[in-house]
Amino acid sequence: MSPSEAQALQALAIVFLTNTLVLTYLILRSKWHGLRLAGVVFLMYFGVYSFLSTIEALAFNTALEIQPNLLWFTLVAALMLTLVFAPLSVWWLGKRRPTTGPLPSDNIGAGLTKKEMAIKLLVLAALVYPALYISFGYFVAWQNPDVRLLYTGSTEILPFWTQAWNAFTNPAWFYPFQIGRAFVWIGLAWLVMRSTKAGWVETGFIVGLNFALLMNAQHLLPNPFMSESIRLSHFLETAGSNFIWGFVIVWVLHRPHHSLADLFNRDAHKRHRHRGHPVNVPV
């Protein structure tokens, strides 16, 4: 085995171990069990690790020049892997059956009206996610001249607002595309929020950790499409923005808010956390 092959194998082992650890955390902190929990694991693993990253790779494929057949093969292979991994991991971690006795519920996400939910979803998808996406893209990845050269053919760096405007207007479909991706992210986060037995802060950490590492640990793997410098820049960019994105989703959606000031009201957060709730019998 050559040194490069040994390095690639080591990186693959690290990626698999990282993915396993973050999903194990999610599973152990869930109040669900059996096939219901396996479904959450499957959607989180396949959705973040493969689906969201693959459709973004397709969007940038003019620069990356990945054969579409390879992308589809990777997507199908990930689907097969997650179909096996999800139920097996739930079984292995002893979550096939309900935990004995009732579990207290923090009712994360409960009490939101349809109107408030709609407003929050729109703000998250149309404003927060694009802002995080372009900010980390510009101030982290775009500061690397190798990244600029790959995607534009030039090392020239434009001012932030010029770059942001260009990114979301050329091509015209790019901004709606990112809003669509944002809704997929939010759906996955909401699924974890409803299934967890953790408080909202820990739930935000769980969601952020899964968003950050399931998608980005694979940047540790050598590939013919990105140099090591570009992969490291993208890892720092997307791991950082995805973690914040996941935590912010939980923070905004975990309880009703009566005003913008209420969103930052620590006392209100404590009252919501300690307010008496009926217990949840595991289902």
C-alpha atoms as a PDB file:
ATOM      1  CA  MET A   1       0.000   0.000   0.000  1.00  0.00           C
ATOM      2  CA  SER A   2       1.382   3.393  -1.042  1.00  0.00           C
ATOM      3  CA  PRO A   3       1.603   6.290   1.435  1.00  0.00           C
ATOM      4  CA  SER A   4      -1.189   8.148  -0.405  1.00  0.00           C
ATOM      5  CA  GLU A   5      -3.451   5.082  -0.254  1.00  0.00           C
ATOM      6  CA  ALA A   6      -2.748   4.653   3.458  1.00  0.00           C
ATOM      7  CA  GLN A   7      -3.553   8.332   4.044  1.00  0.00           C
ATOM      8  CA  ALA A   8      -6.820   8.030   2.137  1.00  0.00           C
ATOM      9  CA  LEU A   9      -7.794   4.918   4.122  1.00  0.00           C
ATOM     10  CA  GLN A  10      -7.018   6.673   7.386  1.00  0.00           C
ATOM     11  CA  ALA A  11      -9.138   9.667   6.343  1.00  0.00           C
ATOM     12  CA  LEU A  12     -12.011   7.351   5.378  1.00  0.00           C
ATOM     13  CA  ALA A  13     -11.884   5.710   8.820  1.00  0.00           C
ATOM     14  CA  ILE A  14     -11.964   9.138  10.509  1.00  0.00           C
ATOM     15  CA  VAL A  15     -14.966  10.209   8.420  1.00  0.00           C
ATOM     16  CA  PHE A  16     -16.904   7.044   9.222  1.00  0.00           C
ATOM     17  CA  LEU A  17     -16.044   7.279  12.941  1.00  0.00           C
ATOM     18  CA  THR A  18     -17.079  10.948  13.050  1.00  0.00           C
ATOM     19  CA  ASN A  19     -20.414  10.245  11.378  1.00  0.00           C
ATOM     20  CA  THR A  20     -21.046   7.304  13.700  1.00  0.00           C
ATOM     21  CA  LEU A  21     -20.300   9.328  16.845  1.00  0.00           C
ATOM     22  CA  VAL A  22     -22.559  12.287  16.008  1.00  0.00           C
ATOM     23  CA  LEU A  23     -25.434   9.991  15.001  1.00  0.00           C
ATOM     24  CA  THR A  24     -24.918   7.927  18.157  1.00  0.00           C
ATOM     25  CA  TYR A  25     -25.353  11.099  20.208  1.00  0.00           C
ATOM     26  CA  LEU A  26     -28.588  11.840  18.355  1.00  0.00           C
ATOM     27  CA  ILE A  27     -29.900   8.299  18.908  1.00  0.00           C
ATOM     28  CA  LEU A  28     -29.076   8.129  22.620  1.00  0.00           C
ATOM     29  CA  ARG A  29     -30.763  11.475  23.301  1.00  0.00           C
ATOM     30  CA  SER A  30     -33.952  10.543  21.443  1.00  0.00           C
ATOM     31  CA  LYS A  31     -37.206   9.659  23.214  1.00  0.00           C
ATOM     32  CA  TRP A  32     -38.285   7.642  20.168  1.00  0.00           C
ATOM     33  CA  HIS A  33     -37.306   4.074  19.389  1.00  0.00           C
ATOM     34  CA  GLY A  34     -37.523   1.296  16.812  1.00  0.00           C
ATOM     35  CA  LEU A  35     -38.418   2.030  13.201  1.00  0.00           C
ATOM     36  CA  ARG A  36     -39.587   5.543  14.067  1.00  0.00           C
ATOM     37  CA  LEU A  37     -36.142   6.434  15.375  1.00  0.00           C
ATOM     38  CA  ALA A  38     -34.474   4.573  12.512  1.00  0.00           C
ATOM     39  CA  GLY A  39     -36.458   6.810  10.155  1.00  0.00           C
ATOM     40  CA  VAL A  40     -35.060   9.932  11.847  1.00  0.00           C
ATOM     41  CA  VAL A  41     -31.512   8.577  11.596  1.00  0.00           C
ATOM     42  CA  PHE A  42     -32.014   7.632   7.954  1.00  0.00           C
ATOM     43  CA  LEU A  43     -33.384  11.046   6.962  1.00  0.00           C
ATOM     44  CA  MET A  44     -30.702  12.936   8.884  1.00  0.00           C
ATOM     45  CA  TYR A  45     -27.816  10.801   7.595  1.00  0.00           C
ATOM     46  CA  PHE A  46     -28.927  10.543   3.976  1.00  0.00           C
ATOM     47  CA  GLY A  47     -30.334  14.072   3.839  1.00  0.00           C
ATOM     48  CA  VAL A  48     -27.259  15.859   5.210  1.00  0.00           C
ATOM     49  CA  TYR A  49     -24.447  13.504   4.206  1.00  0.00           C
ATOM     50  CA  SER A  50     -25.610  12.850   0.667  1.00  0.00           C
ATOM     51  CA  PHE A  51     -28.709  14.610  -0.679  1.00  0.00           C
ATOM     52  CA  LEU A  52     -27.978  18.230   0.316  1.00  0.00           C
ATOM     53  CA  SER A  53     -24.296  17.978  -0.586  1.00  0.00           C
ATOM     54  CA  THR A  54     -25.013  16.253  -3.920  1.00  0.00           C
ATOM     55  CA  ILE A  55     -27.517  18.820  -5.151  1.00  0.00           C
ATOM     56  CA  GLU A  56     -25.089  21.611  -4.234  1.00  0.00           C
ATOM     57  CA  ALA A  57     -22.295  19.825  -6.104  1.00  0.00           C
ATOM     58  CA  LEU A  58     -24.607  19.699  -9.123  1.00  0.00           C
ATOM     59  CA  ALA A  59     -25.198  23.446  -8.803  1.00  0.00           C
ATOM     60  CA  PHE A  60     -21.452  24.134  -8.867  1.00  0.00           C
ATOM     61  CA  ASN A  61     -20.542  21.401 -11.318  1.00  0.00           C
ATOM     62  CA  THR A  62     -19.441  23.871 -13.991  1.00  0.00           C
ATOM     63  CA  ALA A  63     -16.372  24.517 -11.835  1.00  0.00           C
ATOM     64  CA  LEU A  64     -15.977  21.074 -10.271  1.00  0.00           C
ATOM     65  CA  GLU A  65     -16.520  19.129 -13.518  1.00  0.00           C
ATOM     66  CA  ILE A  66     -17.730  15.962 -11.790  1.00  0.00           C
ATOM     67  CA  GLN A  67     -19.281  13.400 -14.103  1.00  0.00           C
ATOM     68  CA  PRO A  68     -23.047  13.388 -13.420  1.00  0.00           C
ATOM     69  CA  ASN A  69     -23.035   9.579 -13.472  1.00  0.00           C
ATOM     70  CA  LEU A  70     -20.532   9.609 -10.609  1.00  0.00           C
ATOM     71  CA  LEU A  71     -22.743  11.937  -8.570  1.00  0.00           C
ATOM     72  CA  TRP A  72     -25.806   9.739  -9.097  1.00  0.00           C
ATOM     73  CA  PHE A  73     -23.806   6.608  -8.276  1.00  0.00           C
ATOM     74  CA  THR A  74     -22.593   8.244  -5.053  1.00  0.00           C
ATOM     75  CA  LEU A  75     -26.164   9.225  -4.178  1.00  0.00           C
ATOM     76  CA  VAL A  76     -27.471   5.670  -4.691  1.00  0.00           C
ATOM     77  CA  ALA A  77     -24.537   4.179  -2.773  1.00  0.00           C
ATOM     78  CA  ALA A  78     -25.233   6.520   0.155  1.00  0.00           C
ATOM     79  CA  LEU A  79     -28.903   5.541   0.035  1.00  0.00           C
ATOM     80  CA  MET A  80     -27.992   1.849   0.350  1.00  0.00           C
ATOM     81  CA  LEU A  81     -25.538   2.590   3.175  1.00  0.00           C
ATOM     82  CA  THR A  82     -28.025   4.609   5.218  1.00  0.00           C
ATOM     83  CA  LEU A  83     -30.821   2.074   4.711  1.00  0.00           C
ATOM     84  CA  VAL A  84     -28.592  -0.483   6.437  1.00  0.00           C
ATOM     85  CA  PHE A  85     -26.916   1.814   8.952  1.00  0.00           C
ATOM     86  CA  ALA A  86     -30.059   3.447  10.386  1.00  0.00           C
ATOM     87  CA  PRO A  87     -31.922   0.365  11.720  1.00  0.00           C
ATOM     88  CA  LEU A  88     -28.673  -1.406  12.608  1.00  0.00           C
ATOM     89  CA  SER A  89     -27.455   1.518  14.732  1.00  0.00           C
ATOM     90  CA  VAL A  90     -30.799   1.772  16.549  1.00  0.00           C
ATOM     91  CA  TRP A  91     -30.707  -1.962  17.289  1.00  0.00           C
ATOM     92  CA  TRP A  92     -27.045  -1.908  18.370  1.00  0.00           C
ATOM     93  CA  LEU A  93     -27.610   0.980  20.791  1.00  0.00           C
ATOM     94  CA  GLY A  94     -30.538  -0.764  22.468  1.00  0.00           C
ATOM     95  CA  LYS A  95     -33.263   1.546  21.203  1.00  0.00           C
ATOM     96  CA  ARG A  96     -35.511  -1.109  19.682  1.00  0.00           C
ATOM     97  CA  ARG A  97     -38.142  -0.763  22.407  1.00  0.00           C
ATOM     98  CA  PRO A  98     -39.444   2.095  24.604  1.00  0.00           C
ATOM     99  CA  THR A  99     -37.502   3.101  27.691  1.00  0.00           C
ATOM    100  CA  THR A 100     -39.183   1.839  30.861  1.00  0.00           C
ATOM    101  CA  GLY A 101     -41.320   4.487  32.562  1.00  0.00           C
ATOM    102  CA  PRO A 102     -42.583   7.896  31.414  1.00  0.00           C
ATOM    103  CA  LEU A 103     -40.223  10.547  30.102  1.00  0.00           C
ATOM    104  CA  PRO A 104     -40.546  14.233  31.017  1.00  0.00           C
ATOM    105  CA  SER A 105     -41.110  16.445  28.001  1.00  0.00           C
ATOM    106  CA  ASP A 106     -39.755  19.915  27.328  1.00  0.00           C
ATOM    107  CA  ASN A 107     -42.342  20.245  24.561  1.00  0.00           C
ATOM    108  CA  ILE A 108     -39.722  21.697  22.239  1.00  0.00           C
ATOM    109  CA  GLY A 109     -41.462  23.416  19.368  1.00  0.00           C
ATOM    110  CA  ALA A 110     -44.906  23.158  20.959  1.00  0.00           C
ATOM    111  CA  GLY A 111     -47.257  26.135  21.174  1.00  0.00           C
ATOM    112  CA  LEU A 112     -46.285  27.818  17.898  1.00  0.00           C
ATOM    113  CA  THR A 113     -49.268  29.135  15.960  1.00  0.00           C
ATOM    114  CA  LYS A 114     -49.475  28.561  12.215  1.00  0.00           C
ATOM    115  CA  LYS A 115     -48.933  32.275  11.581  1.00  0.00           C
ATOM    116  CA  GLU A 116     -45.846  32.480  13.797  1.00  0.00           C
ATOM    117  CA  MET A 117     -44.446  29.284  12.319  1.00  0.00           C
ATOM    118  CA  ALA A 118     -44.933  30.601   8.770  1.00  0.00           C
ATOM    119  CA  ILE A 119     -43.199  33.901   9.589  1.00  0.00           C
ATOM    120  CA  LYS A 120     -40.289  32.167  11.292  1.00  0.00           C
ATOM    121  CA  LEU A 121     -39.857  29.671   8.469  1.00  0.00           C
ATOM    122  CA  LEU A 122     -39.816  32.469   5.899  1.00  0.00           C
ATOM    123  CA  VAL A 123     -37.262  34.517   7.858  1.00  0.00           C
ATOM    124  CA  LEU A 124     -35.033  31.501   8.463  1.00  0.00           C
ATOM    125  CA  ALA A 125     -35.121  30.258   4.870  1.00  0.00           C
ATOM    126  CA  ALA A 126     -35.092  33.557   2.966  1.00  0.00           C
ATOM    127  CA  LEU A 127     -32.857  35.672   5.239  1.00  0.00           C
ATOM    128  CA  VAL A 128     -30.906  33.777   7.903  1.00  0.00           C
ATOM    129  CA  TYR A 129     -29.646  30.873   5.794  1.00  0.00           C
ATOM    130  CA  PRO A 130     -28.590  32.998   2.795  1.00  0.00           C
ATOM    131  CA  ALA A 131     -26.857  35.460   5.155  1.00  0.00           C
ATOM    132  CA  LEU A 132     -24.876  32.684   6.849  1.00  0.00           C
ATOM    133  CA  TYR A 133     -24.154  31.008   3.522  1.00  0.00           C
ATOM    134  CA  ILE A 134     -22.723  34.078   1.806  1.00  0.00           C
ATOM    135  CA  SER A 135     -20.951  35.449   4.919  1.00  0.00           C
ATOM    136  CA  PHE A 136     -19.018  32.270   5.669  1.00  0.00           C
ATOM    137  CA  GLY A 137     -18.473  31.677   1.968  1.00  0.00           C
ATOM    138  CA  TYR A 138     -16.902  35.110   1.562  1.00  0.00           C
ATOM    139  CA  PHE A 139     -15.049  35.632   4.854  1.00  0.00           C
ATOM    140  CA  VAL A 140     -13.771  32.040   5.178  1.00  0.00           C
ATOM    141  CA  ALA A 141     -13.572  30.099   1.904  1.00  0.00           C
ATOM    142  CA  TRP A 142     -13.336  33.058  -0.502  1.00  0.00           C
ATOM    143  CA  GLN A 143     -10.276  34.435   1.288  1.00  0.00           C
ATOM    144  CA  ASN A 144      -8.331  31.492  -0.167  1.00  0.00           C
ATOM    145  CA  PRO A 145      -7.094  32.445  -3.679  1.00  0.00           C
ATOM    146  CA  ASP A 146      -7.192  28.762  -4.688  1.00  0.00           C
ATOM    147  CA  VAL A 147     -10.962  28.729  -4.059  1.00  0.00           C
ATOM    148  CA  ARG A 148     -11.491  31.888  -6.118  1.00  0.00           C
ATOM    149  CA  LEU A 149      -9.409  30.464  -8.950  1.00  0.00           C
ATOM    150  CA  LEU A 150     -11.406  27.208  -8.998  1.00  0.00           C
ATOM    151  CA  TYR A 151     -14.827  28.834  -9.206  1.00  0.00           C
ATOM    152  CA  THR A 152     -14.079  31.969 -11.249  1.00  0.00           C
ATOM    153  CA  GLY A 153     -10.829  31.292 -13.076  1.00  0.00           C
ATOM    154  CA  SER A 154      -9.315  34.340 -11.360  1.00  0.00           C
ATOM    155  CA  THR A 155      -7.783  35.127  -7.956  1.00  0.00           C
ATOM    156  CA  GLU A 156      -9.365  38.606  -7.942  1.00  0.00           C
ATOM    157  CA  ILE A 157     -11.485  39.302  -4.861  1.00  0.00           C
ATOM    158  CA  LEU A 158     -14.447  41.665  -5.072  1.00  0.00           C
ATOM    159  CA  PRO A 159     -15.973  43.677  -2.185  1.00  0.00           C
ATOM    160  CA  PHE A 160     -18.385  41.699  -0.013  1.00  0.00           C
ATOM    161  CA  TRP A 161     -21.635  43.316  -1.173  1.00  0.00           C
ATOM    162  CA  THR A 162     -20.626  43.045  -4.823  1.00  0.00           C
ATOM    163  CA  GLN A 163     -19.768  39.388  -4.374  1.00  0.00           C
ATOM    164  CA  ALA A 164     -23.006  38.725  -2.472  1.00  0.00           C
ATOM    165  CA  TRP A 165     -25.111  40.387  -5.176  1.00  0.00           C
ATOM    166  CA  ASN A 166     -23.328  38.459  -7.922  1.00  0.00           C
ATOM    167  CA  ALA A 167     -23.691  35.158  -6.063  1.00  0.00           C
ATOM    168  CA  PHE A 168     -27.445  35.445  -5.599  1.00  0.00           C
ATOM    169  CA  THR A 169     -28.371  36.999  -8.955  1.00  0.00           C
ATOM    170  CA  ASN A 170     -26.128  35.134 -11.373  1.00  0.00           C
ATOM    171  CA  PRO A 171     -27.552  32.665 -12.153  1.00  0.00           C
ATOM    172  CA  ALA A 172     -31.072  33.897 -11.305  1.00  0.00           C
ATOM    173  CA  TRP A 173     -32.167  30.517  -9.939  1.00  0.00           C
ATOM    174  CA  PHE A 174     -29.437  30.374  -7.292  1.00  0.00           C
ATOM    175  CA  TYR A 175     -31.246  32.318  -4.549  1.00  0.00           C
ATOM    176  CA  PRO A 176     -34.516  30.298  -4.850  1.00  0.00           C
ATOM    177  CA  PHE A 177     -32.379  27.156  -4.953  1.00  0.00           C
ATOM    178  CA  GLN A 178     -30.755  28.037  -1.622  1.00  0.00           C
ATOM    179  CA  ILE A 179     -34.152  28.860  -0.094  1.00  0.00           C
ATOM    180  CA  GLY A 180     -35.316  25.386  -1.129  1.00  0.00           C
ATOM    181  CA  ARG A 181     -32.239  23.826   0.494  1.00  0.00           C
ATOM    182  CA  ALA A 182     -32.932  25.881   3.638  1.00  0.00           C
ATOM    183  CA  PHE A 183     -36.404  24.363   3.951  1.00  0.00           C
ATOM    184  CA  VAL A 184     -34.906  20.864   3.724  1.00  0.00           C
ATOM    185  CA  TRP A 185     -32.447  21.748   6.507  1.00  0.00           C
ATOM    186  CA  ILE A 186     -35.274  23.127   8.651  1.00  0.00           C
ATOM    187  CA  GLY A 187     -37.388  20.007   8.115  1.00  0.00           C
ATOM    188  CA  LEU A 188     -34.546  17.785   9.305  1.00  0.00           C
ATOM    189  CA  ALA A 189     -33.939  19.985  12.350  1.00  0.00           C
ATOM    190  CA  TRP A 190     -37.644  19.995  13.218  1.00  0.00           C
ATOM    191  CA  LEU A 191     -37.723  16.205  13.062  1.00  0.00           C
ATOM    192  CA  VAL A 192     -34.882  15.985  15.588  1.00  0.00           C
ATOM    193  CA  MET A 193     -36.513  18.640  17.786  1.00  0.00           C
ATOM    194  CA  ARG A 194     -39.744  16.659  18.030  1.00  0.00           C
ATOM    195  CA  SER A 195     -37.932  13.386  18.720  1.00  0.00           C
ATOM    196  CA  THR A 196     -35.425  14.490  21.347  1.00  0.00           C
ATOM    197  CA  LYS A 197     -35.666  14.239  25.123  1.00  0.00           C
ATOM    198  CA  ALA A 198     -32.973  16.909  25.574  1.00  0.00           C
ATOM    199  CA  GLY A 199     -33.578  20.572  26.403  1.00  0.00           C
ATOM    200  CA  TRP A 200     -33.499  23.131  23.618  1.00  0.00           C
ATOM    201  CA  VAL A 201     -29.851  24.169  24.105  1.00  0.00           C
ATOM    202  CA  GLU A 202     -28.606  20.593  23.927  1.00  0.00           C
ATOM    203  CA  THR A 203     -30.960  19.914  21.022  1.00  0.00           C
ATOM    204  CA  GLY A 204     -29.464  22.894  19.204  1.00  0.00           C
ATOM    205  CA  PHE A 205     -26.021  21.449  19.845  1.00  0.00           C
ATOM    206  CA  ILE A 206     -27.096  18.020  18.540  1.00  0.00           C
ATOM    207  CA  VAL A 207     -28.623  19.482  15.370  1.00  0.00           C
ATOM    208  CA  GLY A 208     -25.678  21.822  14.789  1.00  0.00           C
ATOM    209  CA  LEU A 209     -23.147  19.041  15.286  1.00  0.00           C
ATOM    210  CA  ASN A 210     -24.926  16.735  12.842  1.00  0.00           C
ATOM    211  CA  PHE A 211     -25.344  19.506  10.270  1.00  0.00           C
ATOM    212  CA  ALA A 212     -21.693  20.517  10.594  1.00  0.00           C
ATOM    213  CA  LEU A 213     -19.982  17.138  10.521  1.00  0.00           C
ATOM    214  CA  LEU A 214     -22.194  14.771   8.520  1.00  0.00           C
ATOM    215  CA  MET A 215     -21.840  16.997   5.466  1.00  0.00           C
ATOM    216  CA  ASN A 216     -18.288  18.205   5.961  1.00  0.00           C
ATOM    217  CA  ALA A 217     -16.231  15.379   7.417  1.00  0.00           C
ATOM    218  CA  GLN A 218     -15.943  14.060   3.856  1.00  0.00           C
ATOM    219  CA  HIS A 219     -13.831  17.113   3.011  1.00  0.00           C
ATOM    220  CA  LEU A 220     -11.066  15.255   4.829  1.00  0.00           C
ATOM    221  CA  LEU A 221     -11.039  12.706   1.992  1.00  0.00           C
ATOM    222  CA  PRO A 222      -8.608  13.337  -0.888  1.00  0.00           C
ATOM    223  CA  ASN A 223     -10.395  13.668  -4.213  1.00  0.00           C
ATOM    224  CA  PRO A 224      -9.416  14.661  -7.772  1.00  0.00           C
ATOM    225  CA  PHE A 225     -11.816  17.642  -7.849  1.00  0.00           C
ATOM    226  CA  MET A 226     -10.418  19.746  -4.988  1.00  0.00           C
ATOM    227  CA  SER A 227      -6.904  20.326  -3.695  1.00  0.00           C
ATOM    228  CA  GLU A 228      -6.158  19.932   0.013  1.00  0.00           C
ATOM    229  CA  SER A 229      -6.147  23.718   0.410  1.00  0.00           C
ATOM    230  CA  ILE A 230      -9.620  24.062  -1.109  1.00  0.00           C
ATOM    231  CA  ARG A 231     -11.020  21.145   0.889  1.00  0.00           C
ATOM    232  CA  LEU A 232      -9.762  22.653   4.159  1.00  0.00           C
ATOM    233  CA  SER A 233     -11.265  26.055   3.318  1.00  0.00           C
ATOM    234  CA  HIS A 234     -14.617  24.468   2.490  1.00  0.00           C
ATOM    235  CA  PHE A 235     -14.498  22.378   5.663  1.00  0.00           C
ATOM    236  CA  LEU A 236     -13.968  25.442   7.855  1.00  0.00           C
ATOM    237  CA  GLU A 237     -16.584  27.414   5.926  1.00  0.00           C
ATOM    238  CA  THR A 238     -19.411  24.909   5.888  1.00  0.00           C
ATOM    239  CA  ALA A 239     -18.782  23.248   9.246  1.00  0.00           C
ATOM    240  CA  GLY A 240     -18.883  26.647  10.945  1.00  0.00           C
ATOM    241  CA  SER A 241     -21.928  27.986   9.123  1.00  0.00           C
ATOM    242  CA  ASN A 242     -23.860  24.698   9.356  1.00  0.00           C
ATOM    243  CA  PHE A 243     -23.325  24.432  13.106  1.00  0.00           C
ATOM    244  CA  ILE A 244     -24.610  27.959  13.688  1.00  0.00           C
ATOM    245  CA  TRP A 245     -27.479  27.355  11.239  1.00  0.00           C
ATOM    246  CA  GLY A 246     -28.615  24.209  13.061  1.00  0.00           C
ATOM    247  CA  PHE A 247     -28.447  25.878  16.464  1.00  0.00           C
ATOM    248  CA  VAL A 248     -30.303  28.979  15.251  1.00  0.00           C
ATOM    249  CA  ILE A 249     -33.151  26.865  13.819  1.00  0.00           C
ATOM    250  CA  VAL A 250     -33.716  25.235  17.213  1.00  0.00           C
ATOM    251  CA  TRP A 251     -33.349  28.558  19.044  1.00  0.00           C
ATOM    252  CA  VAL A 252     -35.970  30.255  16.855  1.00  0.00           C
ATOM    253  CA  LEU A 253     -38.445  27.372  16.662  1.00  0.00           C
ATOM    254  CA  HIS A 254     -38.225  25.817  20.124  1.00  0.00           C
ATOM    255  CA  ARG A 255     -40.966  28.038  21.654  1.00  0.00           C
ATOM    256  CA  PRO A 256     -43.366  30.858  20.778  1.00  0.00           C
ATOM    257  CA  HIS A 257     -41.960  34.408  20.801  1.00  0.00           C
ATOM    258  CA  HIS A 258     -44.170  37.461  21.226  1.00  0.00           C
ATOM    259  CA  SER A 259     -41.636  39.940  19.844  1.00  0.00           C
ATOM    260  CA  LEU A 260     -38.071  40.213  18.577  1.00  0.00           C
ATOM    261  CA  ALA A 261     -36.997  41.235  22.083  1.00  0.00           C
ATOM    262  CA  ASP A 262     -38.639  38.085  23.463  1.00  0.00           C
ATOM    263  CA  LEU A 263     -36.332  36.015  21.264  1.00  0.00           C
ATOM    264  CA  PHE A 264     -33.386  37.265  23.335  1.00  0.00           C
ATOM    265  CA  ASN A 265     -35.183  37.192  26.701  1.00  0.00           C
ATOM    266  CA  ARG A 266     -33.258  34.755  28.903  1.00  0.00           C
ATOM    267  CA  ASP A 267     -35.873  34.866  31.669  1.00  0.00           C
ATOM    268  CA  ALA A 268     -38.581  33.848  29.210  1.00  0.00           C
ATOM    269  CA  HIS A 269     -36.448  30.930  28.075  1.00  0.00           C
ATOM    270  CA  LYS A 270     -36.077  29.801  31.699  1.00  0.00           C
ATOM    271  CA  ARG A 271     -39.799  30.147  32.408  1.00  0.00           C
ATOM    272  CA  HIS A 272     -40.631  28.086  29.333  1.00  0.00           C
ATOM    273  CA  ARG A 273     -38.119  25.435  30.335  1.00  0.00           C
ATOM    274  CA  HIS A 274     -39.314  25.103  33.923  1.00  0.00           C
ATOM    275  CA  ARG A 275     -43.042  25.514  33.321  1.00  0.00           C
ATOM    276  CA  GLY A 276     -44.938  22.391  34.303  1.00  0.00           C
ATOM    277  CA  HIS A 277     -45.765  20.076  31.378  1.00  0.00           C
ATOM    278  CA  PRO A 278     -47.499  16.734  31.281  1.00  0.00           C
ATOM    279  CA  VAL A 279     -45.129  13.845  30.916  1.00  0.00           C
ATOM    280  CA  ASN A 280     -44.759  12.010  27.671  1.00  0.00           C
ATOM    281  CA  VAL A 281     -45.224   8.271  27.699  1.00  0.00           C
ATOM    282  CA  PRO A 282     -42.735   6.852  25.148  1.00  0.00           C
ATOM    283  CA  VAL A 283     -44.374   5.839  21.897  1.00  0.00           C
END
